[in-house]
Structure formats: C-alpha cells, structure tokens
C-alpha cells in the first residue's frame, strides 16, 4: 500500500500547476509570484529526486530557496511536515 501512496504523491508533485501553487501559497500563508510558481512547477516536473528521502528532500528545498527565498522555502518545508503528520504518513518520509 505504501508504494501506491508514494507513487500518488510523486505524481501529484510532478503535475502541480503554477495556478495550484499560487492557490496553496495563499491558502497556507506564504507569498509566491506568478513567475516563481511557474519556475517551481517546471522544477517539480523535471525533478527526479525522491521526496521520501531526507537528503533528496533537503536538496529540493535548497533549490526552492534559489527560486524563491529562504523564508518561503522554510515555510514550504514546514507545510510539508504538517501535512505529512496530519495524514499520518510519517513512516513514508525517512
């Protein structure tokens, strides 16, 4: 079952649109410009790093900080961990 859930999450990340990212940024209280949202969406589509691996996840957030800024990357990382905990998926994220 966890392989199925991991694939669903990876698929969702790869298919996030700039519009969805802008919506989520407003919903969860951090700022993104349209250009940043587009750059992030492109990065997520092309990214081959495993979001379930801690080292790969850290690299993703470092890259996010170069697209946006350190504060936005930190908020996005906190949001990810909040969502992971709220859905009880801690065991999938090493």
PDB file of N, CA and C in Angstrom:
ATOM      1  N   UNK A   1       0.820  -1.202   0.000  1.00  0.00           N
ATOM      2  CA  UNK A   1       0.000   0.000   0.000  1.00  0.00           C
ATOM      3  C   UNK A   1       0.859   1.259   0.000  1.00  0.00           C
ATOM      4  N   UNK A   2       1.985   1.234   0.753  1.00  0.00           N
ATOM      5  CA  UNK A   2       2.800   2.441   0.831  1.00  0.00           C
ATOM      6  C   UNK A   2       3.421   2.779  -0.524  1.00  0.00           C
ATOM      7  N   UNK A   3       3.720   1.780  -1.358  1.00  0.00           N
ATOM      8  CA  UNK A   3       4.259   2.054  -2.689  1.00  0.00           C
ATOM      9  C   UNK A   3       3.221   2.807  -3.515  1.00  0.00           C
ATOM     10  N   UNK A   4       1.975   2.404  -3.403  1.00  0.00           N
ATOM     11  CA  UNK A   4       0.883   3.068  -4.111  1.00  0.00           C
ATOM     12  C   UNK A   4       0.747   4.519  -3.652  1.00  0.00           C
ATOM     13  N   UNK A   5       0.780   4.753  -2.367  1.00  0.00           N
ATOM     14  CA  UNK A   5       0.661   6.111  -1.817  1.00  0.00           C
ATOM     15  C   UNK A   5       1.844   6.965  -2.263  1.00  0.00           C
ATOM     16  N   UNK A   6       3.057   6.399  -2.216  1.00  0.00           N
ATOM     17  CA  UNK A   6       4.242   7.140  -2.657  1.00  0.00           C
ATOM     18  C   UNK A   6       4.116   7.547  -4.124  1.00  0.00           C
ATOM     19  N   UNK A   7       3.656   6.642  -4.957  1.00  0.00           N
ATOM     20  CA  UNK A   7       3.504   6.951  -6.383  1.00  0.00           C
ATOM     21  C   UNK A   7       2.449   8.038  -6.594  1.00  0.00           C
ATOM     22  N   UNK A   8       1.378   7.995  -5.824  1.00  0.00           N
ATOM     23  CA  UNK A   8       0.351   9.036  -5.930  1.00  0.00           C
ATOM     24  C   UNK A   8       0.935  10.400  -5.567  1.00  0.00           C
ATOM     25  N   UNK A   9       1.721  10.456  -4.502  1.00  0.00           N
ATOM     26  CA  UNK A   9       2.321  11.714  -4.062  1.00  0.00           C
ATOM     27  C   UNK A   9       3.308  12.223  -5.102  1.00  0.00           C
ATOM     28  N   UNK A  10       4.161  11.341  -5.616  1.00  0.00           N
ATOM     29  CA  UNK A  10       5.118  11.738  -6.653  1.00  0.00           C
ATOM     30  C   UNK A  10       4.390  12.273  -7.887  1.00  0.00           C
ATOM     31  N   UNK A  11       3.324  11.592  -8.270  1.00  0.00           N
ATOM     32  CA  UNK A  11       2.541  12.013  -9.427  1.00  0.00           C
ATOM     33  C   UNK A  11       1.921  13.391  -9.193  1.00  0.00           C
ATOM     34  N   UNK A  12       1.399  13.614  -8.015  1.00  0.00           N
ATOM     35  CA  UNK A  12       0.793  14.911  -7.708  1.00  0.00           C
ATOM     36  C   UNK A  12       1.835  16.020  -7.770  1.00  0.00           C
ATOM     37  N   UNK A  13       3.027  15.774  -7.211  1.00  0.00           N
ATOM     38  CA  UNK A  13       4.090  16.775  -7.258  1.00  0.00           C
ATOM     39  C   UNK A  13       4.481  17.099  -8.698  1.00  0.00           C
ATOM     40  N   UNK A  14       4.605  16.070  -9.515  1.00  0.00           N
ATOM     41  CA  UNK A  14       5.015  16.274 -10.913  1.00  0.00           C
ATOM     42  C   UNK A  14       3.950  17.003 -11.731  1.00  0.00           C
ATOM     43  N   UNK A  15       2.713  16.927 -11.309  1.00  0.00           N
ATOM     44  CA  UNK A  15       1.625  17.523 -12.078  1.00  0.00           C
ATOM     45  C   UNK A  15       1.058  18.800 -11.476  1.00  0.00           C
ATOM     46  N   UNK A  16       1.708  19.329 -10.440  1.00  0.00           N
ATOM     47  CA  UNK A  16       1.241  20.594  -9.866  1.00  0.00           C
ATOM     48  C   UNK A  16       1.395  21.716 -10.879  1.00  0.00           C
ATOM     49  N   UNK A  17       0.360  22.506 -11.022  1.00  0.00           N
ATOM     50  CA  UNK A  17       0.433  23.646 -11.938  1.00  0.00           C
ATOM     51  C   UNK A  17       0.812  24.902 -11.165  1.00  0.00           C
ATOM     52  N   UNK A  18       1.227  25.907 -11.890  1.00  0.00           N
ATOM     53  CA  UNK A  18       1.558  27.192 -11.271  1.00  0.00           C
ATOM     54  C   UNK A  18       0.327  27.758 -10.557  1.00  0.00           C
ATOM     55  N   UNK A  19      -0.834  27.588 -11.165  1.00  0.00           N
ATOM     56  CA  UNK A  19      -2.077  28.089 -10.557  1.00  0.00           C
ATOM     57  C   UNK A  19      -2.362  27.396  -9.226  1.00  0.00           C
ATOM     58  N   UNK A  20      -2.150  26.087  -9.179  1.00  0.00           N
ATOM     59  CA  UNK A  20      -2.349  25.356  -7.922  1.00  0.00           C
ATOM     60  C   UNK A  20      -1.367  25.828  -6.858  1.00  0.00           C
ATOM     61  N   UNK A  21      -0.115  26.039  -7.264  1.00  0.00           N
ATOM     62  CA  UNK A  21       0.889  26.520  -6.311  1.00  0.00           C
ATOM     63  C   UNK A  21       0.511  27.892  -5.759  1.00  0.00           C
ATOM     64  N   UNK A  22       0.015  28.764  -6.622  1.00  0.00           N
ATOM     65  CA  UNK A  22      -0.420  30.086  -6.154  1.00  0.00           C
ATOM     66  C   UNK A  22      -1.600  29.960  -5.186  1.00  0.00           C
ATOM     67  N   UNK A  23      -2.526  29.066  -5.510  1.00  0.00           N
ATOM     68  CA  UNK A  23      -3.670  28.827  -4.621  1.00  0.00           C
ATOM     69  C   UNK A  23      -3.202  28.325  -3.250  1.00  0.00           C
ATOM     70  N   UNK A  24      -2.315  27.318  -3.253  1.00  0.00           N
ATOM     71  CA  UNK A  24      -1.814  26.777  -1.990  1.00  0.00           C
ATOM     72  C   UNK A  24      -1.006  27.804  -1.210  1.00  0.00           C
ATOM     73  N   UNK A  25      -0.268  28.647  -1.909  1.00  0.00           N
ATOM     74  CA  UNK A  25       0.520  29.656  -1.201  1.00  0.00           C
ATOM     75  C   UNK A  25      -0.392  30.620  -0.447  1.00  0.00           C
ATOM     76  N   UNK A  26      -1.497  31.001  -1.068  1.00  0.00           N
ATOM     77  CA  UNK A  26      -2.459  31.880  -0.390  1.00  0.00           C
ATOM     78  C   UNK A  26      -3.142  31.142   0.755  1.00  0.00           C
ATOM     79  N   UNK A  27      -3.531  29.899   0.498  1.00  0.00           N
ATOM     80  CA  UNK A  27      -4.240  29.102   1.500  1.00  0.00           C
ATOM     81  C   UNK A  27      -3.388  28.873   2.742  1.00  0.00           C
ATOM     82  N   UNK A  28      -2.080  28.665   2.555  1.00  0.00           N
ATOM     83  CA  UNK A  28      -1.211  28.322   3.682  1.00  0.00           C
ATOM     84  C   UNK A  28      -0.299  29.458   4.126  1.00  0.00           C
ATOM     85  N   UNK A  29      -0.516  30.665   3.607  1.00  0.00           N
ATOM     86  CA  UNK A  29       0.117  31.853   4.155  1.00  0.00           C
ATOM     87  C   UNK A  29       1.558  32.123   3.774  1.00  0.00           C
ATOM     88  N   UNK A  30       1.935  31.838   2.533  1.00  0.00           N
ATOM     89  CA  UNK A  30       3.243  32.314   2.083  1.00  0.00           C
ATOM     90  C   UNK A  30       3.119  32.886   0.682  1.00  0.00           C
ATOM     91  N   UNK A  31       4.025  33.788   0.349  1.00  0.00           N
ATOM     92  CA  UNK A  31       3.937  34.547  -0.883  1.00  0.00           C
ATOM     93  C   UNK A  31       4.725  33.893  -2.012  1.00  0.00           C
ATOM     94  N   UNK A  32       4.100  33.833  -3.180  1.00  0.00           N
ATOM     95  CA  UNK A  32       4.759  33.412  -4.409  1.00  0.00           C
ATOM     96  C   UNK A  32       4.331  34.351  -5.516  1.00  0.00           C
ATOM     97  N   UNK A  33       5.260  34.687  -6.381  1.00  0.00           N
ATOM     98  CA  UNK A  33       4.877  35.430  -7.575  1.00  0.00           C
ATOM     99  C   UNK A  33       4.475  34.415  -8.638  1.00  0.00           C
ATOM    100  N   UNK A  34       3.849  34.910  -9.683  1.00  0.00           N
ATOM    101  CA  UNK A  34       3.474  34.018 -10.768  1.00  0.00           C
ATOM    102  C   UNK A  34       4.711  33.378 -11.397  1.00  0.00           C
ATOM    103  N   UNK A  35       5.760  34.169 -11.568  1.00  0.00           N
ATOM    104  CA  UNK A  35       6.996  33.659 -12.158  1.00  0.00           C
ATOM    105  C   UNK A  35       7.609  32.566 -11.276  1.00  0.00           C
ATOM    106  N   UNK A  36       7.621  32.785  -9.968  1.00  0.00           N
ATOM    107  CA  UNK A  36       8.153  31.780  -9.048  1.00  0.00           C
ATOM    108  C   UNK A  36       7.339  30.497  -9.125  1.00  0.00           C
ATOM    109  N   UNK A  37       6.007  30.640  -9.148  1.00  0.00           N
ATOM    110  CA  UNK A  37       5.135  29.464  -9.227  1.00  0.00           C
ATOM    111  C   UNK A  37       5.406  28.679 -10.513  1.00  0.00           C
ATOM    112  N   UNK A  38       5.605  29.387 -11.610  1.00  0.00           N
ATOM    113  CA  UNK A  38       5.911  28.714 -12.876  1.00  0.00           C
ATOM    114  C   UNK A  38       7.253  27.991 -12.795  1.00  0.00           C
ATOM    115  N   UNK A  39       8.261  28.645 -12.211  1.00  0.00           N
ATOM    116  CA  UNK A  39       9.577  28.031 -12.080  1.00  0.00           C
ATOM    117  C   UNK A  39       9.527  26.791 -11.194  1.00  0.00           C
ATOM    118  N   UNK A  40       8.766  26.859 -10.119  1.00  0.00           N
ATOM    119  CA  UNK A  40       8.635  25.716  -9.209  1.00  0.00           C
ATOM    120  C   UNK A  40       7.928  24.565  -9.918  1.00  0.00           C
ATOM    121  N   UNK A  41       6.850  24.866 -10.637  1.00  0.00           N
ATOM    122  CA  UNK A  41       6.117  23.822 -11.358  1.00  0.00           C
ATOM    123  C   UNK A  41       7.024  23.134 -12.381  1.00  0.00           C
ATOM    124  N   UNK A  42       7.818  23.908 -13.091  1.00  0.00           N
ATOM    125  CA  UNK A  42       8.759  23.334 -14.063  1.00  0.00           C
ATOM    126  C   UNK A  42       9.784  22.466 -13.346  1.00  0.00           C
ATOM    127  N   UNK A  43      10.317  22.974 -12.246  1.00  0.00           N
ATOM    128  CA  UNK A  43      11.302  22.210 -11.471  1.00  0.00           C
ATOM    129  C   UNK A  43      10.709  20.880 -11.002  1.00  0.00           C
ATOM    130  N   UNK A  44       9.493  20.913 -10.474  1.00  0.00           N
ATOM    131  CA  UNK A  44       8.871  19.684  -9.969  1.00  0.00           C
ATOM    132  C   UNK A  44       8.629  18.677 -11.089  1.00  0.00           C
ATOM    133  N   UNK A  45       8.291  19.164 -12.277  1.00  0.00           N
ATOM    134  CA  UNK A  45       8.080  18.257 -13.408  1.00  0.00           C
ATOM    135  C   UNK A  45       9.378  17.567 -13.827  1.00  0.00           C
ATOM    136  N   UNK A  46      10.477  18.316 -13.780  1.00  0.00           N
ATOM    137  CA  UNK A  46      11.763  17.787 -14.240  1.00  0.00           C
ATOM    138  C   UNK A  46      12.552  17.088 -13.139  1.00  0.00           C
ATOM    139  N   UNK A  47      12.226  17.339 -11.902  1.00  0.00           N
ATOM    140  CA  UNK A  47      12.983  16.827 -10.764  1.00  0.00           C
ATOM    141  C   UNK A  47      12.854  15.313 -10.661  1.00  0.00           C
ATOM    142  N   UNK A  48      13.991  14.658 -10.461  1.00  0.00           N
ATOM    143  CA  UNK A  48      13.972  13.209 -10.307  1.00  0.00           C
ATOM    144  C   UNK A  48      14.330  12.778  -8.889  1.00  0.00           C
ATOM    145  N   UNK A  49      14.492  13.735  -7.997  1.00  0.00           N
ATOM    146  CA  UNK A  49      14.837  13.395  -6.612  1.00  0.00           C
ATOM    147  C   UNK A  49      13.636  12.760  -5.908  1.00  0.00           C
ATOM    148  N   UNK A  50      13.938  11.863  -4.991  1.00  0.00           N
ATOM    149  CA  UNK A  50      12.913  11.154  -4.236  1.00  0.00           C
ATOM    150  C   UNK A  50      12.467  12.003  -3.048  1.00  0.00           C
ATOM    151  N   UNK A  51      11.244  12.509  -3.041  1.00  0.00           N
ATOM    152  CA  UNK A  51      10.799  13.362  -1.939  1.00  0.00           C
ATOM    153  C   UNK A  51      10.667  12.614  -0.608  1.00  0.00           C
ATOM    154  N   UNK A  52      10.766  11.288  -0.649  1.00  0.00           N
ATOM    155  CA  UNK A  52      10.651  10.500   0.574  1.00  0.00           C
ATOM    156  C   UNK A  52      11.998  10.277   1.242  1.00  0.00           C
ATOM    157  N   UNK A  53      13.063  10.650   0.571  1.00  0.00           N
ATOM    158  CA  UNK A  53      14.417  10.536   1.097  1.00  0.00           C
ATOM    159  C   UNK A  53      14.823  11.888   1.683  1.00  0.00           C
ATOM    160  N   UNK A  54      15.284  11.887   2.930  1.00  0.00           N
ATOM    161  CA  UNK A  54      15.579  13.141   3.629  1.00  0.00           C
ATOM    162  C   UNK A  54      16.616  13.991   2.899  1.00  0.00           C
ATOM    163  N   UNK A  55      17.698  13.387   2.450  1.00  0.00           N
ATOM    164  CA  UNK A  55      18.745  14.142   1.767  1.00  0.00           C
ATOM    165  C   UNK A  55      18.220  14.753   0.458  1.00  0.00           C
ATOM    166  N   UNK A  56      17.490  13.978  -0.300  1.00  0.00           N
ATOM    167  CA  UNK A  56      16.927  14.471  -1.563  1.00  0.00           C
ATOM    168  C   UNK A  56      15.920  15.587  -1.309  1.00  0.00           C
ATOM    169  N   UNK A  57      15.128  15.442  -0.253  1.00  0.00           N
ATOM    170  CA  UNK A  57      14.146  16.468   0.114  1.00  0.00           C
ATOM    171  C   UNK A  57      14.851  17.769   0.480  1.00  0.00           C
ATOM    172  N   UNK A  58      15.945  17.680   1.230  1.00  0.00           N
ATOM    173  CA  UNK A  58      16.700  18.871   1.598  1.00  0.00           C
ATOM    174  C   UNK A  58      17.244  19.569   0.354  1.00  0.00           C
ATOM    175  N   UNK A  59      17.719  18.793  -0.611  1.00  0.00           N
ATOM    176  CA  UNK A  59      18.204  19.369  -1.863  1.00  0.00           C
ATOM    177  C   UNK A  59      17.075  20.074  -2.611  1.00  0.00           C
ATOM    178  N   UNK A  60      15.877  19.479  -2.587  1.00  0.00           N
ATOM    179  CA  UNK A  60      14.728  20.105  -3.240  1.00  0.00           C
ATOM    180  C   UNK A  60      14.414  21.446  -2.596  1.00  0.00           C
ATOM    181  N   UNK A  61      14.438  21.503  -1.266  1.00  0.00           N
ATOM    182  CA  UNK A  61      14.127  22.756  -0.578  1.00  0.00           C
ATOM    183  C   UNK A  61      15.231  23.791  -0.770  1.00  0.00           C
ATOM    184  N   UNK A  62      16.474  23.352  -0.912  1.00  0.00           N
ATOM    185  CA  UNK A  62      17.564  24.289  -1.224  1.00  0.00           C
ATOM    186  C   UNK A  62      17.335  24.908  -2.594  1.00  0.00           C
ATOM    187  N   UNK A  63      16.929  24.076  -3.541  1.00  0.00           N
ATOM    188  CA  UNK A  63      16.651  24.598  -4.880  1.00  0.00           C
ATOM    189  C   UNK A  63      15.448  25.534  -4.842  1.00  0.00           C
ATOM    190  N   UNK A  64      14.443  25.195  -4.069  1.00  0.00           N
ATOM    191  CA  UNK A  64      13.280  26.062  -3.909  1.00  0.00           C
ATOM    192  C   UNK A  64      13.706  27.430  -3.369  1.00  0.00           C
ATOM    193  N   UNK A  65      14.654  27.442  -2.440  1.00  0.00           N
ATOM    194  CA  UNK A  65      15.143  28.706  -1.880  1.00  0.00           C
ATOM    195  C   UNK A  65      15.828  29.560  -2.942  1.00  0.00           C
ATOM    196  N   UNK A  66      16.453  28.925  -3.936  1.00  0.00           N
ATOM    197  CA  UNK A  66      17.082  29.705  -5.004  1.00  0.00           C
ATOM    198  C   UNK A  66      16.040  30.287  -5.957  1.00  0.00           C
ATOM    199  N   UNK A  67      14.908  29.611  -6.089  1.00  0.00           N
ATOM    200  CA  UNK A  67      13.833  30.107  -6.943  1.00  0.00           C
ATOM    201  C   UNK A  67      13.068  31.215  -6.223  1.00  0.00           C
ATOM    202  N   UNK A  68      12.815  31.019  -4.950  1.00  0.00           N
ATOM    203  CA  UNK A  68      12.016  31.988  -4.181  1.00  0.00           C
ATOM    204  C   UNK A  68      12.942  32.719  -3.223  1.00  0.00           C
ATOM    205  N   UNK A  69      12.917  32.329  -1.970  1.00  0.00           N
ATOM    206  CA  UNK A  69      13.818  32.848  -0.943  1.00  0.00           C
ATOM    207  C   UNK A  69      13.831  31.860   0.213  1.00  0.00           C
ATOM    208  N   UNK A  70      14.751  32.061   1.120  1.00  0.00           N
ATOM    209  CA  UNK A  70      14.933  31.128   2.237  1.00  0.00           C
ATOM    210  C   UNK A  70      13.670  31.010   3.094  1.00  0.00           C
ATOM    211  N   UNK A  71      13.013  32.131   3.349  1.00  0.00           N
ATOM    212  CA  UNK A  71      11.815  32.134   4.196  1.00  0.00           C
ATOM    213  C   UNK A  71      10.685  31.324   3.553  1.00  0.00           C
ATOM    214  N   UNK A  72      10.482  31.489   2.261  1.00  0.00           N
ATOM    215  CA  UNK A  72       9.431  30.748   1.564  1.00  0.00           C
ATOM    216  C   UNK A  72       9.746  29.255   1.551  1.00  0.00           C
ATOM    217  N   UNK A  73      11.003  28.912   1.317  1.00  0.00           N
ATOM    218  CA  UNK A  73      11.399  27.500   1.320  1.00  0.00           C
ATOM    219  C   UNK A  73      11.182  26.884   2.699  1.00  0.00           C
ATOM    220  N   UNK A  74      11.500  27.632   3.740  1.00  0.00           N
ATOM    221  CA  UNK A  74      11.300  27.137   5.106  1.00  0.00           C
ATOM    222  C   UNK A  74       9.816  26.932   5.393  1.00  0.00           C
ATOM    223  N   UNK A  75       8.984  27.873   4.969  1.00  0.00           N
ATOM    224  CA  UNK A  75       7.536  27.725   5.170  1.00  0.00           C
ATOM    225  C   UNK A  75       6.998  26.530   4.393  1.00  0.00           C
ATOM    226  N   UNK A  76       7.486  26.331   3.193  1.00  0.00           N
ATOM    227  CA  UNK A  76       7.041  25.185   2.385  1.00  0.00           C
ATOM    228  C   UNK A  76       7.453  23.873   3.047  1.00  0.00           C
ATOM    229  N   UNK A  77       8.644  23.845   3.596  1.00  0.00           N
ATOM    230  CA  UNK A  77       9.111  22.635   4.287  1.00  0.00           C
ATOM    231  C   UNK A  77       8.259  22.365   5.528  1.00  0.00           C
ATOM    232  N   UNK A  78       7.953  23.408   6.279  1.00  0.00           N
ATOM    233  CA  UNK A  78       7.100  23.247   7.460  1.00  0.00           C
ATOM    234  C   UNK A  78       5.709  22.772   7.054  1.00  0.00           C
ATOM    235  N   UNK A  79       5.198  23.313   5.963  1.00  0.00           N
ATOM    236  CA  UNK A  79       3.885  22.896   5.462  1.00  0.00           C
ATOM    237  C   UNK A  79       3.898  21.420   5.096  1.00  0.00           C
ATOM    238  N   UNK A  80       4.946  20.978   4.413  1.00  0.00           N
ATOM    239  CA  UNK A  80       5.044  19.563   4.053  1.00  0.00           C
ATOM    240  C   UNK A  80       4.979  18.690   5.291  1.00  0.00           C
ATOM    241  N   UNK A  81       5.767  19.013   6.309  1.00  0.00           N
ATOM    242  CA  UNK A  81       5.786  18.186   7.518  1.00  0.00           C
ATOM    243  C   UNK A  81       4.448  18.241   8.257  1.00  0.00           C
ATOM    244  N   UNK A  82       3.784  19.378   8.238  1.00  0.00           N
ATOM    245  CA  UNK A  82       2.465  19.485   8.857  1.00  0.00           C
ATOM    246  C   UNK A  82       1.474  18.574   8.141  1.00  0.00           C
ATOM    247  N   UNK A  83       1.502  18.599   6.803  1.00  0.00           N
ATOM    248  CA  UNK A  83       0.595  17.757   6.027  1.00  0.00           C
ATOM    249  C   UNK A  83       0.913  16.278   6.212  1.00  0.00           C
ATOM    250  N   UNK A  84       2.187  15.947   6.230  1.00  0.00           N
ATOM    251  CA  UNK A  84       2.600  14.554   6.441  1.00  0.00           C
ATOM    252  C   UNK A  84       2.067  14.047   7.773  1.00  0.00           C
ATOM    253  N   UNK A  85       2.213  14.854   8.821  1.00  0.00           N
ATOM    254  CA  UNK A  85       1.731  14.453  10.151  1.00  0.00           C
ATOM    255  C   UNK A  85       0.216  14.375  10.195  1.00  0.00           C
ATOM    256  N   UNK A  86      -0.454  15.334   9.564  1.00  0.00           N
ATOM    257  CA  UNK A  86      -1.915  15.339   9.630  1.00  0.00           C
ATOM    258  C   UNK A  86      -2.527  14.128   8.925  1.00  0.00           C
ATOM    259  N   UNK A  87      -1.812  13.591   7.928  1.00  0.00           N
ATOM    260  CA  UNK A  87      -2.304  12.403   7.232  1.00  0.00           C
ATOM    261  C   UNK A  87      -1.691  11.113   7.765  1.00  0.00           C
ATOM    262  N   UNK A  88      -0.860  11.216   8.799  1.00  0.00           N
ATOM    263  CA  UNK A  88      -0.266  10.036   9.405  1.00  0.00           C
ATOM    264  C   UNK A  88       0.702   9.299   8.491  1.00  0.00           C
ATOM    265  N   UNK A  89       1.462  10.060   7.702  1.00  0.00           N
ATOM    266  CA  UNK A  89       2.361   9.446   6.733  1.00  0.00           C
ATOM    267  C   UNK A  89       3.832   9.565   7.105  1.00  0.00           C
ATOM    268  N   UNK A  90       4.104   9.804   8.376  1.00  0.00           N
ATOM    269  CA  UNK A  90       5.492   9.986   8.818  1.00  0.00           C
ATOM    270  C   UNK A  90       6.363   8.803   8.433  1.00  0.00           C
ATOM    271  N   UNK A  91       5.788   7.606   8.461  1.00  0.00           N
ATOM    272  CA  UNK A  91       6.567   6.396   8.183  1.00  0.00           C
ATOM    273  C   UNK A  91       7.078   6.340   6.740  1.00  0.00           C
ATOM    274  N   UNK A  92       6.490   7.111   5.835  1.00  0.00           N
ATOM    275  CA  UNK A  92       6.924   7.115   4.441  1.00  0.00           C
ATOM    276  C   UNK A  92       8.089   8.076   4.199  1.00  0.00           C
ATOM    277  N   UNK A  93       8.270   9.032   5.094  1.00  0.00           N
ATOM    278  CA  UNK A  93       9.298  10.051   4.916  1.00  0.00           C
ATOM    279  C   UNK A  93      10.453   9.768   5.866  1.00  0.00           C
ATOM    280  N   UNK A  94      11.585   9.320   5.309  1.00  0.00           N
ATOM    281  CA  UNK A  94      12.748   8.910   6.090  1.00  0.00           C
ATOM    282  C   UNK A  94      13.440  10.098   6.714  1.00  0.00           C
TER     283      UNK A  94
END
